[in-house]
Structure formats: C-alpha cells, structure tokens
Amino acid sequence: MKTRNNKLDHEELIAILAPEKGYLRRGFPKDTYHHLVTLPWHTFLILTFLFLLFITAILGFFYYLTGTLRLNYANVNGTNISIWDAFFFSITSITTLGYGDIRAVGAGRIASGIESVMGLMFIGVFTALAFARISRARIKIHFSKHIVFDEHDGVPSLMFRVTNLRADDLIGAHIDFYFMKVIHLKDGTFTRRWYILKLTPPDMPVFSFIWKVVHQVKKGDYFEGKQAEEITKSNGIFLAILKGYDVDLATESMVYNVWPADSVVEGSLPELLVKSREGRPMAIPFERLDEVIRRVSDSIPDSIES
C-alpha cells in the first residue's frame, strides 16, 4: 500500500474499509443533496455559474429566434433586437431585475414568466445549499504523515503527532485509534478484523496546539513482539478518529485520518515547542510537523522531513 500525505477522502476511505459498499453507491440523481453539499467550493460555484449560463443562453436564443422581444427605446439599430439584447433580457428575467428597457410579447411573456419563477427557485435553493455548506462546522487538524515506532516510558509504542491549526481550543478532545487487518480466506474472499489500540491517555482536556498521541504495545496487544519492519508489512491500515468541542464554533466536531501500514517508521518524534533566548515561543514551520528522527544506521538517514 502506498503512503499518503493527506487524509483520504470519503470515497477512498469507503473503498478501503468497505469495498462492497460500491455496489450500494447511489448516483447523483438519487442523492443530489449529498453530492451538492459535499462538493468542493470551487466545483460548487463553477457548476452554479454554468447552470445559470446554460439557462440564460437557451432562453436568450429563444427570445432572439422567435422575435418575441421589443425595445422600449430606439438605439443605433432602431428598435431591432440584437442577440446581446436577448441575452441581457434573459439575465434580467432570471434574476427578476426587470429594468423595463426591453419587454416581451406573445410567447416571450410566458417564457420570461417561467424564467423568473425558475430564478426565484434557484436563488432559494442556492441560498439553502450555501448555508448548509457554510454551517458544516469543521475543525482544522493536521495528522503527522508517519506513525513512529519507538519506546515510550520503556515500553515499545506507536506514536503520531496531532496539531490544532486554528487559534481556538478544542475542549474535551478524545482520540480513538484502530488497526484494521485484511484477512484473506481459503475460498478466495476476505474479511476485515478490527483491533482497538488503547492510547495513553486518549483524552486531552484542552487541545490548543500539539498533541503527541501514544499507543503502548503491552502484553496481549495485537502488535506484541513485533518490530517496525513487521508492522509495515502488515496487510492493513491505521485509523484515528478525533472528536472535540470547538469553543468558537460552539459545536462538537469530528475528523479522522488513515495511514497504510507502511507509514510506520522506526525513530522518534522531535520536540517542536522551542523558545527563544527571551523565553518566548518560536514559530514552527508547517513542514516540521511531519518531521521524524530516524534511528542511526548504515542504510537509514538520521532524519526525514516531508
């Protein structure tokens, strides 16, 4: 499995954790609301613009080809309607502006009425979707790229770093840590087995900046007696789920991260909270959040930075 730098999206996570759900995946027409709410902002805005452009263009051509528009004033072309006049009238109709310099006659009145109703409905739907997207409270958390295998208080441990990238604090932060192993059966199928990896501790009363998360490999643990190299060859993934109450957003939020087994490296997490000579905290470059100090060997560098 390939190491990923960023958190997997929903589709990729489902493909790993529950590939059979692909048979149940519903297309855009059957789950429109979910697709529109979860689209990236730039895609959502581009689709909105293209939808408006399509409707105004179609009806603009209709007004122009049917000759159902009249100018209320004379221009350089007299009272003749140009294609641009038709597009302008279509835009003012769908936005319900209605400047009054162009009027519809005959079938154009029916078309402009329908277009105005469509515009009102569109504004309502767009506002509702935009509000639903904005109101989805999300905490901004960075999970380290690697899981480190090292000793903690004399006990072999798996560790990773979590960073709160916002100025607001998370109250009552809690992390659940799991390992999912894919087991291939004799009949050619496979099953998944989940192992709960207990953290010491799993809670942070006030999560302000950096949290070094530690899972100690004790007796009875799934990884008992295994070295880092053996863990990286495991056919499975690690999953961390962080929950906490965001003070500024006044809501409980959740975020997750997935690591393939080969994300485990043998080394240690460096200390990042350094101070200047005056005792003031110094700024930490973002790229250092993924830094790992590797154990010195002939074939492994002393440190790696993503």
C-alpha atoms as a PDB file:
ATOM      1  CA  MET A   1       0.000   0.000   0.000  1.00  0.00           C
ATOM      2  CA  LYS A   2       1.266   3.445  -0.876  1.00  0.00           C
ATOM      3  CA  THR A   3       1.884   6.053   1.810  1.00  0.00           C
ATOM      4  CA  ARG A   4      -0.416   9.023   1.529  1.00  0.00           C
ATOM      5  CA  ASN A   5       0.496  12.564   2.526  1.00  0.00           C
ATOM      6  CA  ASN A   6      -3.049  13.775   3.075  1.00  0.00           C
ATOM      7  CA  LYS A   7      -6.215  12.469   4.628  1.00  0.00           C
ATOM      8  CA  LEU A   8      -8.156  10.138   2.365  1.00  0.00           C
ATOM      9  CA  ASP A   9     -11.485  11.457   1.136  1.00  0.00           C
ATOM     10  CA  HIS A  10     -14.812   9.740   1.810  1.00  0.00           C
ATOM     11  CA  GLU A  11     -14.799   7.664  -1.374  1.00  0.00           C
ATOM     12  CA  GLU A  12     -11.240   6.415  -0.831  1.00  0.00           C
ATOM     13  CA  LEU A  13     -11.953   5.562   2.797  1.00  0.00           C
ATOM     14  CA  ILE A  14     -15.028   3.541   1.816  1.00  0.00           C
ATOM     15  CA  ALA A  15     -13.006   1.784  -0.904  1.00  0.00           C
ATOM     16  CA  ILE A  16     -10.543   0.588   1.752  1.00  0.00           C
ATOM     17  CA  LEU A  17     -12.793  -0.046   4.740  1.00  0.00           C
ATOM     18  CA  ALA A  18     -15.867  -1.382   2.970  1.00  0.00           C
ATOM     19  CA  PRO A  19     -15.324  -2.013  -0.757  1.00  0.00           C
ATOM     20  CA  GLU A  20     -18.621  -3.875  -1.031  1.00  0.00           C
ATOM     21  CA  LYS A  21     -20.459  -0.568  -0.435  1.00  0.00           C
ATOM     22  CA  GLY A  22     -19.550   0.272  -4.026  1.00  0.00           C
ATOM     23  CA  TYR A  23     -22.490  -1.903  -5.024  1.00  0.00           C
ATOM     24  CA  LEU A  24     -24.772   0.333  -2.953  1.00  0.00           C
ATOM     25  CA  ARG A  25     -23.360   3.662  -4.146  1.00  0.00           C
ATOM     26  CA  ARG A  26     -26.128   5.960  -5.295  1.00  0.00           C
ATOM     27  CA  GLY A  27     -25.604   8.211  -8.287  1.00  0.00           C
ATOM     28  CA  PHE A  28     -26.076  11.970  -8.471  1.00  0.00           C
ATOM     29  CA  PRO A  29     -29.781  11.913  -9.484  1.00  0.00           C
ATOM     30  CA  LYS A  30     -30.716   9.713  -6.486  1.00  0.00           C
ATOM     31  CA  ASP A  31     -28.596  11.536  -3.899  1.00  0.00           C
ATOM     32  CA  THR A  32     -28.389  15.069  -5.283  1.00  0.00           C
ATOM     33  CA  TYR A  33     -28.424  16.916  -1.960  1.00  0.00           C
ATOM     34  CA  HIS A  34     -25.491  14.937  -0.533  1.00  0.00           C
ATOM     35  CA  HIS A  35     -23.425  15.465  -3.676  1.00  0.00           C
ATOM     36  CA  LEU A  36     -24.097  19.208  -3.801  1.00  0.00           C
ATOM     37  CA  VAL A  37     -23.318  19.720  -0.108  1.00  0.00           C
ATOM     38  CA  THR A  38     -20.080  17.728  -0.212  1.00  0.00           C
ATOM     39  CA  LEU A  39     -18.683  19.135  -3.467  1.00  0.00           C
ATOM     40  CA  PRO A  40     -15.542  21.298  -3.176  1.00  0.00           C
ATOM     41  CA  TRP A  41     -16.409  25.000  -3.062  1.00  0.00           C
ATOM     42  CA  HIS A  42     -14.775  25.817  -6.384  1.00  0.00           C
ATOM     43  CA  THR A  43     -16.667  22.977  -8.111  1.00  0.00           C
ATOM     44  CA  PHE A  44     -19.937  24.055  -6.496  1.00  0.00           C
ATOM     45  CA  LEU A  45     -19.535  27.676  -7.656  1.00  0.00           C
ATOM     46  CA  ILE A  46     -18.440  26.683 -11.163  1.00  0.00           C
ATOM     47  CA  LEU A  47     -21.455  24.369 -11.561  1.00  0.00           C
ATOM     48  CA  THR A  48     -23.733  27.157 -10.298  1.00  0.00           C
ATOM     49  CA  PHE A  49     -22.329  29.598 -12.850  1.00  0.00           C
ATOM     50  CA  LEU A  50     -22.575  27.052 -15.694  1.00  0.00           C
ATOM     51  CA  PHE A  51     -26.192  26.246 -14.790  1.00  0.00           C
ATOM     52  CA  LEU A  52     -27.150  29.935 -14.894  1.00  0.00           C
ATOM     53  CA  LEU A  53     -25.236  30.428 -18.137  1.00  0.00           C
ATOM     54  CA  PHE A  54     -26.974  27.435 -19.731  1.00  0.00           C
ATOM     55  CA  ILE A  55     -30.492  28.571 -18.794  1.00  0.00           C
ATOM     56  CA  THR A  56     -29.956  32.200 -19.806  1.00  0.00           C
ATOM     57  CA  ALA A  57     -28.322  31.159 -23.095  1.00  0.00           C
ATOM     58  CA  ILE A  58     -31.124  28.752 -24.054  1.00  0.00           C
ATOM     59  CA  LEU A  59     -33.893  31.248 -23.310  1.00  0.00           C
ATOM     60  CA  GLY A  60     -31.866  34.111 -24.806  1.00  0.00           C
ATOM     61  CA  PHE A  61     -31.686  32.227 -28.100  1.00  0.00           C
ATOM     62  CA  PHE A  62     -35.414  31.514 -27.826  1.00  0.00           C
ATOM     63  CA  TYR A  63     -36.269  35.201 -27.438  1.00  0.00           C
ATOM     64  CA  TYR A  64     -33.989  36.163 -30.328  1.00  0.00           C
ATOM     65  CA  LEU A  65     -35.096  33.454 -32.775  1.00  0.00           C
ATOM     66  CA  THR A  66     -38.813  33.887 -32.083  1.00  0.00           C
ATOM     67  CA  GLY A  67     -38.675  37.679 -32.216  1.00  0.00           C
ATOM     68  CA  THR A  68     -40.739  37.998 -29.044  1.00  0.00           C
ATOM     69  CA  LEU A  69     -38.843  40.978 -27.600  1.00  0.00           C
ATOM     70  CA  ARG A  70     -39.377  44.679 -28.188  1.00  0.00           C
ATOM     71  CA  LEU A  71     -37.188  47.658 -27.310  1.00  0.00           C
ATOM     72  CA  ASN A  72     -38.864  50.486 -25.438  1.00  0.00           C
ATOM     73  CA  TYR A  73     -36.391  52.947 -26.926  1.00  0.00           C
ATOM     74  CA  ALA A  74     -34.535  53.438 -30.194  1.00  0.00           C
ATOM     75  CA  ASN A  75     -30.802  52.746 -30.449  1.00  0.00           C
ATOM     76  CA  VAL A  76     -28.322  52.789 -33.324  1.00  0.00           C
ATOM     77  CA  ASN A  77     -30.167  49.806 -34.778  1.00  0.00           C
ATOM     78  CA  GLY A  78     -33.556  51.400 -34.367  1.00  0.00           C
ATOM     79  CA  THR A  79     -35.868  49.138 -32.416  1.00  0.00           C
ATOM     80  CA  ASN A  80     -34.366  45.878 -33.666  1.00  0.00           C
ATOM     81  CA  ILE A  81     -33.340  43.342 -31.016  1.00  0.00           C
ATOM     82  CA  SER A  82     -29.781  42.022 -31.182  1.00  0.00           C
ATOM     83  CA  ILE A  83     -28.605  38.696 -29.760  1.00  0.00           C
ATOM     84  CA  TRP A  84     -26.932  40.604 -26.912  1.00  0.00           C
ATOM     85  CA  ASP A  85     -30.197  42.353 -26.107  1.00  0.00           C
ATOM     86  CA  ALA A  86     -31.868  38.942 -25.886  1.00  0.00           C
ATOM     87  CA  PHE A  87     -29.173  37.618 -23.539  1.00  0.00           C
ATOM     88  CA  PHE A  88     -29.438  40.757 -21.412  1.00  0.00           C
ATOM     89  CA  PHE A  89     -33.208  40.346 -21.138  1.00  0.00           C
ATOM     90  CA  SER A  90     -32.769  36.677 -20.196  1.00  0.00           C
ATOM     91  CA  ILE A  91     -30.338  37.622 -17.403  1.00  0.00           C
ATOM     92  CA  THR A  92     -32.651  40.313 -16.030  1.00  0.00           C
ATOM     93  CA  SER A  93     -35.574  37.875 -16.158  1.00  0.00           C
ATOM     94  CA  ILE A  94     -33.892  35.013 -14.288  1.00  0.00           C
ATOM     95  CA  THR A  95     -32.586  37.435 -11.645  1.00  0.00           C
ATOM     96  CA  THR A  96     -36.033  39.167 -11.523  1.00  0.00           C
ATOM     97  CA  LEU A  97     -34.423  42.594 -12.026  1.00  0.00           C
ATOM     98  CA  GLY A  98     -36.566  43.749 -14.929  1.00  0.00           C
ATOM     99  CA  TYR A  99     -35.094  47.114 -15.966  1.00  0.00           C
ATOM    100  CA  GLY A 100     -38.022  47.803 -18.295  1.00  0.00           C
ATOM    101  CA  ASP A 101     -35.981  48.837 -21.337  1.00  0.00           C
ATOM    102  CA  ILE A 102     -36.920  45.592 -23.112  1.00  0.00           C
ATOM    103  CA  ARG A 103     -40.320  43.925 -22.975  1.00  0.00           C
ATOM    104  CA  ALA A 104     -41.587  40.533 -24.051  1.00  0.00           C
ATOM    105  CA  VAL A 105     -44.592  39.948 -26.288  1.00  0.00           C
ATOM    106  CA  GLY A 106     -46.526  36.863 -27.235  1.00  0.00           C
ATOM    107  CA  ALA A 107     -44.844  33.596 -26.259  1.00  0.00           C
ATOM    108  CA  GLY A 108     -41.959  35.615 -24.851  1.00  0.00           C
ATOM    109  CA  ARG A 109     -44.169  36.673 -21.932  1.00  0.00           C
ATOM    110  CA  ILE A 110     -44.818  33.062 -20.990  1.00  0.00           C
ATOM    111  CA  ALA A 111     -41.106  32.184 -21.329  1.00  0.00           C
ATOM    112  CA  SER A 112     -39.986  35.201 -19.257  1.00  0.00           C
ATOM    113  CA  GLY A 113     -42.548  34.369 -16.566  1.00  0.00           C
ATOM    114  CA  ILE A 114     -41.287  30.787 -16.372  1.00  0.00           C
ATOM    115  CA  GLU A 115     -37.696  32.048 -16.312  1.00  0.00           C
ATOM    116  CA  SER A 116     -38.463  34.438 -13.429  1.00  0.00           C
ATOM    117  CA  VAL A 117     -40.046  31.645 -11.393  1.00  0.00           C
ATOM    118  CA  MET A 118     -37.015  29.436 -12.122  1.00  0.00           C
ATOM    119  CA  GLY A 119     -34.759  32.279 -10.975  1.00  0.00           C
ATOM    120  CA  LEU A 120     -36.625  32.669  -7.675  1.00  0.00           C
ATOM    121  CA  MET A 121     -36.471  28.916  -7.064  1.00  0.00           C
ATOM    122  CA  PHE A 122     -32.790  28.858  -7.963  1.00  0.00           C
ATOM    123  CA  ILE A 123     -31.962  31.688  -5.557  1.00  0.00           C
ATOM    124  CA  GLY A 124     -33.787  29.860  -2.763  1.00  0.00           C
ATOM    125  CA  VAL A 125     -32.078  26.525  -3.466  1.00  0.00           C
ATOM    126  CA  PHE A 126     -28.644  28.138  -3.853  1.00  0.00           C
ATOM    127  CA  THR A 127     -29.040  30.054  -0.573  1.00  0.00           C
ATOM    128  CA  ALA A 128     -30.113  26.904   1.273  1.00  0.00           C
ATOM    129  CA  LEU A 129     -27.218  24.854  -0.129  1.00  0.00           C
ATOM    130  CA  ALA A 130     -24.689  27.613   0.556  1.00  0.00           C
ATOM    131  CA  PHE A 131     -25.915  27.911   4.155  1.00  0.00           C
ATOM    132  CA  ALA A 132     -25.788  24.127   4.612  1.00  0.00           C
ATOM    133  CA  ARG A 133     -22.198  24.095   3.351  1.00  0.00           C
ATOM    134  CA  ILE A 134     -21.079  27.062   5.472  1.00  0.00           C
ATOM    135  CA  SER A 135     -22.780  25.775   8.622  1.00  0.00           C
ATOM    136  CA  ARG A 136     -20.910  22.458   8.488  1.00  0.00           C
ATOM    137  CA  ALA A 137     -18.514  23.139  11.338  1.00  0.00           C
ATOM    138  CA  ARG A 138     -15.093  21.630  10.730  1.00  0.00           C
ATOM    139  CA  ILE A 139     -12.042  21.694  12.891  1.00  0.00           C
ATOM    140  CA  LYS A 140      -8.695  22.119  11.163  1.00  0.00           C
ATOM    141  CA  ILE A 141      -6.419  19.332  12.348  1.00  0.00           C
ATOM    142  CA  HIS A 142      -3.115  18.090  10.942  1.00  0.00           C
ATOM    143  CA  PHE A 143      -2.081  14.471  11.495  1.00  0.00           C
ATOM    144  CA  SER A 144       1.593  13.612  11.074  1.00  0.00           C
ATOM    145  CA  LYS A 145       2.494  11.808   7.874  1.00  0.00           C
ATOM    146  CA  HIS A 146       4.139   8.876   9.688  1.00  0.00           C
ATOM    147  CA  ILE A 147       3.411   6.714  12.704  1.00  0.00           C
ATOM    148  CA  VAL A 148       6.605   6.309  14.720  1.00  0.00           C
ATOM    149  CA  PHE A 149       7.659   3.056  16.388  1.00  0.00           C
ATOM    150  CA  ASP A 150       9.771   3.860  19.446  1.00  0.00           C
ATOM    151  CA  GLU A 151       9.972   3.315  23.187  1.00  0.00           C
ATOM    152  CA  HIS A 152       7.835   5.456  25.479  1.00  0.00           C
ATOM    153  CA  ASP A 153       8.463   5.138  29.228  1.00  0.00           C
ATOM    154  CA  GLY A 154      10.467   1.990  28.456  1.00  0.00           C
ATOM    155  CA  VAL A 155       7.606   0.350  26.532  1.00  0.00           C
ATOM    156  CA  PRO A 156       7.556  -0.178  22.724  1.00  0.00           C
ATOM    157  CA  SER A 157       4.993   2.238  21.365  1.00  0.00           C
ATOM    158  CA  LEU A 158       3.325   3.566  18.254  1.00  0.00           C
ATOM    159  CA  MET A 159       3.184   7.354  18.219  1.00  0.00           C
ATOM    160  CA  PHE A 160       1.955  10.123  15.967  1.00  0.00           C
ATOM    161  CA  ARG A 161       1.536  13.866  16.285  1.00  0.00           C
ATOM    162  CA  VAL A 162      -1.733  15.786  16.023  1.00  0.00           C
ATOM    163  CA  THR A 163      -1.727  19.568  15.573  1.00  0.00           C
ATOM    164  CA  ASN A 164      -4.569  22.031  16.013  1.00  0.00           C
ATOM    165  CA  LEU A 165      -4.058  24.513  13.185  1.00  0.00           C
ATOM    166  CA  ARG A 166      -6.582  27.038  14.444  1.00  0.00           C
ATOM    167  CA  ALA A 167      -6.286  29.550  17.275  1.00  0.00           C
ATOM    168  CA  ASP A 168      -9.434  28.281  19.013  1.00  0.00           C
ATOM    169  CA  ASP A 169      -9.197  25.454  21.550  1.00  0.00           C
ATOM    170  CA  LEU A 170     -10.883  22.062  21.482  1.00  0.00           C
ATOM    171  CA  ILE A 171     -12.434  21.152  24.808  1.00  0.00           C
ATOM    172  CA  GLY A 172     -12.642  17.524  25.872  1.00  0.00           C
ATOM    173  CA  ALA A 173     -10.717  16.234  22.855  1.00  0.00           C
ATOM    174  CA  HIS A 174     -10.751  12.449  22.501  1.00  0.00           C
ATOM    175  CA  ILE A 175      -8.984  10.118  20.035  1.00  0.00           C
ATOM    176  CA  ASP A 176      -9.956   6.554  19.135  1.00  0.00           C
ATOM    177  CA  PHE A 177      -7.166   4.574  17.451  1.00  0.00           C
ATOM    178  CA  TYR A 178      -7.702   1.369  15.471  1.00  0.00           C
ATOM    179  CA  PHE A 179      -5.872  -1.083  13.253  1.00  0.00           C
ATOM    180  CA  MET A 180      -7.823  -2.890  10.550  1.00  0.00           C
ATOM    181  CA  LYS A 181      -6.297  -6.062   9.161  1.00  0.00           C
ATOM    182  CA  VAL A 182      -7.462  -7.588   5.897  1.00  0.00           C
ATOM    183  CA  ILE A 183      -7.627 -11.385   6.202  1.00  0.00           C
ATOM    184  CA  HIS A 184      -7.827 -13.469   3.024  1.00  0.00           C
ATOM    185  CA  LEU A 185      -9.903 -16.629   3.350  1.00  0.00           C
ATOM    186  CA  LYS A 186      -9.381 -20.012   1.670  1.00  0.00           C
ATOM    187  CA  ASP A 187     -12.436 -19.582  -0.568  1.00  0.00           C
ATOM    188  CA  GLY A 188     -10.851 -16.534  -2.207  1.00  0.00           C
ATOM    189  CA  THR A 189     -12.877 -13.952  -0.288  1.00  0.00           C
ATOM    190  CA  PHE A 190     -11.625 -11.767   2.534  1.00  0.00           C
ATOM    191  CA  THR A 191     -12.783 -10.306   5.794  1.00  0.00           C
ATOM    192  CA  ARG A 192     -11.711  -7.389   7.960  1.00  0.00           C
ATOM    193  CA  ARG A 193     -10.761  -7.584  11.597  1.00  0.00           C
ATOM    194  CA  TRP A 194     -10.601  -4.520  13.793  1.00  0.00           C
ATOM    195  CA  TYR A 195      -8.231  -4.104  16.724  1.00  0.00           C
ATOM    196  CA  ILE A 196      -8.671  -1.338  19.270  1.00  0.00           C
ATOM    197  CA  LEU A 197      -5.348   0.317  20.089  1.00  0.00           C
ATOM    198  CA  LYS A 198      -5.604   1.917  23.525  1.00  0.00           C
ATOM    199  CA  LEU A 199      -3.941   5.296  23.948  1.00  0.00           C
ATOM    200  CA  THR A 200      -2.172   6.674  26.998  1.00  0.00           C
ATOM    201  CA  PRO A 201      -4.046   8.881  27.518  1.00  0.00           C
ATOM    202  CA  PRO A 202      -6.860   9.023  24.918  1.00  0.00           C
ATOM    203  CA  ASP A 203      -8.163  12.383  26.176  1.00  0.00           C
ATOM    204  CA  MET A 204      -6.926  15.963  26.218  1.00  0.00           C
ATOM    205  CA  PRO A 205      -8.976  18.349  28.418  1.00  0.00           C
ATOM    206  CA  VAL A 206      -7.900  21.380  26.383  1.00  0.00           C
ATOM    207  CA  PHE A 207      -6.311  20.757  22.988  1.00  0.00           C
ATOM    208  CA  SER A 208      -4.635  24.028  21.984  1.00  0.00           C
ATOM    209  CA  PHE A 209      -1.727  23.176  19.707  1.00  0.00           C
ATOM    210  CA  ILE A 210       0.286  19.927  19.633  1.00  0.00           C
ATOM    211  CA  TRP A 211      -0.616  16.510  20.988  1.00  0.00           C
ATOM    212  CA  LYS A 212       1.765  13.554  20.872  1.00  0.00           C
ATOM    213  CA  VAL A 213      -0.508  10.528  20.776  1.00  0.00           C
ATOM    214  CA  VAL A 214       0.946   7.301  22.206  1.00  0.00           C
ATOM    215  CA  HIS A 215      -0.173   3.684  21.999  1.00  0.00           C
ATOM    216  CA  GLN A 216       1.960   1.456  24.211  1.00  0.00           C
ATOM    217  CA  VAL A 217       2.378  -2.091  22.923  1.00  0.00           C
ATOM    218  CA  LYS A 218       1.742  -4.083  26.098  1.00  0.00           C
ATOM    219  CA  LYS A 219       1.052  -7.730  26.819  1.00  0.00           C
ATOM    220  CA  GLY A 220      -1.909  -9.028  24.859  1.00  0.00           C
ATOM    221  CA  ASP A 221      -1.678  -6.234  22.304  1.00  0.00           C
ATOM    222  CA  TYR A 222      -2.001  -7.197  18.635  1.00  0.00           C
ATOM    223  CA  PHE A 223       1.482  -5.821  17.901  1.00  0.00           C
ATOM    224  CA  GLU A 224       3.115  -7.502  20.921  1.00  0.00           C
ATOM    225  CA  GLY A 225       6.579  -8.767  19.999  1.00  0.00           C
ATOM    226  CA  LYS A 226       6.528  -7.208  16.529  1.00  0.00           C
ATOM    227  CA  GLN A 227       9.146  -4.854  15.192  1.00  0.00           C
ATOM    228  CA  ALA A 228       8.598  -1.856  12.928  1.00  0.00           C
ATOM    229  CA  GLU A 229       9.535  -3.823   9.806  1.00  0.00           C
ATOM    230  CA  GLU A 230       6.944  -6.496  10.583  1.00  0.00           C
ATOM    231  CA  ILE A 231       4.253  -3.869  11.149  1.00  0.00           C
ATOM    232  CA  THR A 232       4.949  -2.162   7.822  1.00  0.00           C
ATOM    233  CA  LYS A 233       4.413  -5.478   6.043  1.00  0.00           C
ATOM    234  CA  SER A 234       1.031  -5.971   7.691  1.00  0.00           C
ATOM    235  CA  ASN A 235      -1.890  -6.032   5.295  1.00  0.00           C
ATOM    236  CA  GLY A 236      -3.986  -3.347   6.933  1.00  0.00           C
ATOM    237  CA  ILE A 237      -4.491   0.296   7.819  1.00  0.00           C
ATOM    238  CA  PHE A 238      -4.472   2.515  10.912  1.00  0.00           C
ATOM    239  CA  LEU A 239      -7.438   4.759  11.630  1.00  0.00           C
ATOM    240  CA  ALA A 240      -7.555   7.642  14.124  1.00  0.00           C
ATOM    241  CA  ILE A 241     -10.797   9.476  14.935  1.00  0.00           C
ATOM    242  CA  LEU A 242     -10.568  12.764  16.848  1.00  0.00           C
ATOM    243  CA  LYS A 243     -13.595  14.371  18.472  1.00  0.00           C
ATOM    244  CA  GLY A 244     -13.783  17.607  20.424  1.00  0.00           C
ATOM    245  CA  TYR A 245     -15.943  20.589  21.302  1.00  0.00           C
ATOM    246  CA  ASP A 246     -14.929  23.700  19.388  1.00  0.00           C
ATOM    247  CA  VAL A 247     -15.312  26.726  21.652  1.00  0.00           C
ATOM    248  CA  ASP A 248     -15.573  29.332  18.888  1.00  0.00           C
ATOM    249  CA  LEU A 249     -17.939  27.314  16.699  1.00  0.00           C
ATOM    250  CA  ALA A 250     -19.918  26.186  19.766  1.00  0.00           C
ATOM    251  CA  THR A 251     -20.337  22.671  18.411  1.00  0.00           C
ATOM    252  CA  GLU A 252     -18.784  19.212  18.631  1.00  0.00           C
ATOM    253  CA  SER A 253     -16.687  18.310  15.619  1.00  0.00           C
ATOM    254  CA  MET A 254     -15.009  15.165  14.337  1.00  0.00           C
ATOM    255  CA  VAL A 255     -12.110  14.486  11.980  1.00  0.00           C
ATOM    256  CA  TYR A 256     -10.290  11.298  11.012  1.00  0.00           C
ATOM    257  CA  ASN A 257      -7.044  10.188   9.411  1.00  0.00           C
ATOM    258  CA  VAL A 258      -5.973   6.953   7.743  1.00  0.00           C
ATOM    259  CA  TRP A 259      -2.435   5.570   7.431  1.00  0.00           C
ATOM    260  CA  PRO A 260      -1.441   2.472   5.462  1.00  0.00           C
ATOM    261  CA  ALA A 261       0.676   0.022   7.451  1.00  0.00           C
ATOM    262  CA  ASP A 262       3.829   1.042   5.592  1.00  0.00           C
ATOM    263  CA  SER A 263       3.545   4.530   7.097  1.00  0.00           C
ATOM    264  CA  VAL A 264       5.165   3.169  10.275  1.00  0.00           C
ATOM    265  CA  VAL A 265       8.827   4.174  10.665  1.00  0.00           C
ATOM    266  CA  GLU A 266      11.334   3.389  13.392  1.00  0.00           C
ATOM    267  CA  GLY A 267      12.547   6.528  15.143  1.00  0.00           C
ATOM    268  CA  SER A 268      11.253   9.289  17.375  1.00  0.00           C
ATOM    269  CA  LEU A 269       9.232  12.491  17.206  1.00  0.00           C
ATOM    270  CA  PRO A 270      11.391  15.598  17.743  1.00  0.00           C
ATOM    271  CA  GLU A 271      10.487  18.302  20.236  1.00  0.00           C
ATOM    272  CA  LEU A 272       8.891  21.191  18.363  1.00  0.00           C
ATOM    273  CA  LEU A 273       7.971  23.597  21.149  1.00  0.00           C
ATOM    274  CA  VAL A 274      11.181  25.614  21.310  1.00  0.00           C
ATOM    275  CA  LYS A 275      11.722  29.033  22.868  1.00  0.00           C
ATOM    276  CA  SER A 276      13.918  31.974  22.056  1.00  0.00           C
ATOM    277  CA  ARG A 277      16.607  33.335  24.387  1.00  0.00           C
ATOM    278  CA  GLU A 278      13.997  35.690  25.802  1.00  0.00           C
ATOM    279  CA  GLY A 279      11.800  32.709  26.680  1.00  0.00           C
ATOM    280  CA  ARG A 280       9.177  33.392  24.039  1.00  0.00           C
ATOM    281  CA  PRO A 281       7.753  30.536  21.906  1.00  0.00           C
ATOM    282  CA  MET A 282       9.206  30.495  18.399  1.00  0.00           C
ATOM    283  CA  ALA A 283       7.223  29.931  15.231  1.00  0.00           C
ATOM    284  CA  ILE A 284       7.249  26.359  13.909  1.00  0.00           C
ATOM    285  CA  PRO A 285       7.470  25.841  10.124  1.00  0.00           C
ATOM    286  CA  PHE A 286       4.498  23.812   8.903  1.00  0.00           C
ATOM    287  CA  GLU A 287       6.740  21.206   7.235  1.00  0.00           C
ATOM    288  CA  ARG A 288       8.315  20.356  10.600  1.00  0.00           C
ATOM    289  CA  LEU A 289       5.022  18.920  11.815  1.00  0.00           C
ATOM    290  CA  ASP A 290       5.801  15.754   9.814  1.00  0.00           C
ATOM    291  CA  GLU A 291       9.441  15.540  10.878  1.00  0.00           C
ATOM    292  CA  VAL A 292      10.714  12.227  12.265  1.00  0.00           C
ATOM    293  CA  ILE A 293      14.157  11.489  13.709  1.00  0.00           C
ATOM    294  CA  ARG A 294      15.178   8.110  12.373  1.00  0.00           C
ATOM    295  CA  ARG A 295      17.423   5.747  14.272  1.00  0.00           C
ATOM    296  CA  VAL A 296      21.021   5.987  13.109  1.00  0.00           C
ATOM    297  CA  SER A 297      22.116   3.075  10.909  1.00  0.00           C
ATOM    298  CA  ASP A 298      24.247   2.440   7.869  1.00  0.00           C
ATOM    299  CA  SER A 299      21.329   2.390   5.487  1.00  0.00           C
ATOM    300  CA  ILE A 300      18.882   4.787   7.127  1.00  0.00           C
ATOM    301  CA  PRO A 301      19.360   8.559   7.292  1.00  0.00           C
ATOM    302  CA  ASP A 302      19.381  10.275  10.675  1.00  0.00           C
ATOM    303  CA  SER A 303      16.187  12.184   9.949  1.00  0.00           C
ATOM    304  CA  ILE A 304      13.490  12.589   7.368  1.00  0.00           C
ATOM    305  CA  GLU A 305      11.290  15.560   6.624  1.00  0.00           C
ATOM    306  CA  SER A 306       8.250  15.573   4.359  1.00  0.00           C
END
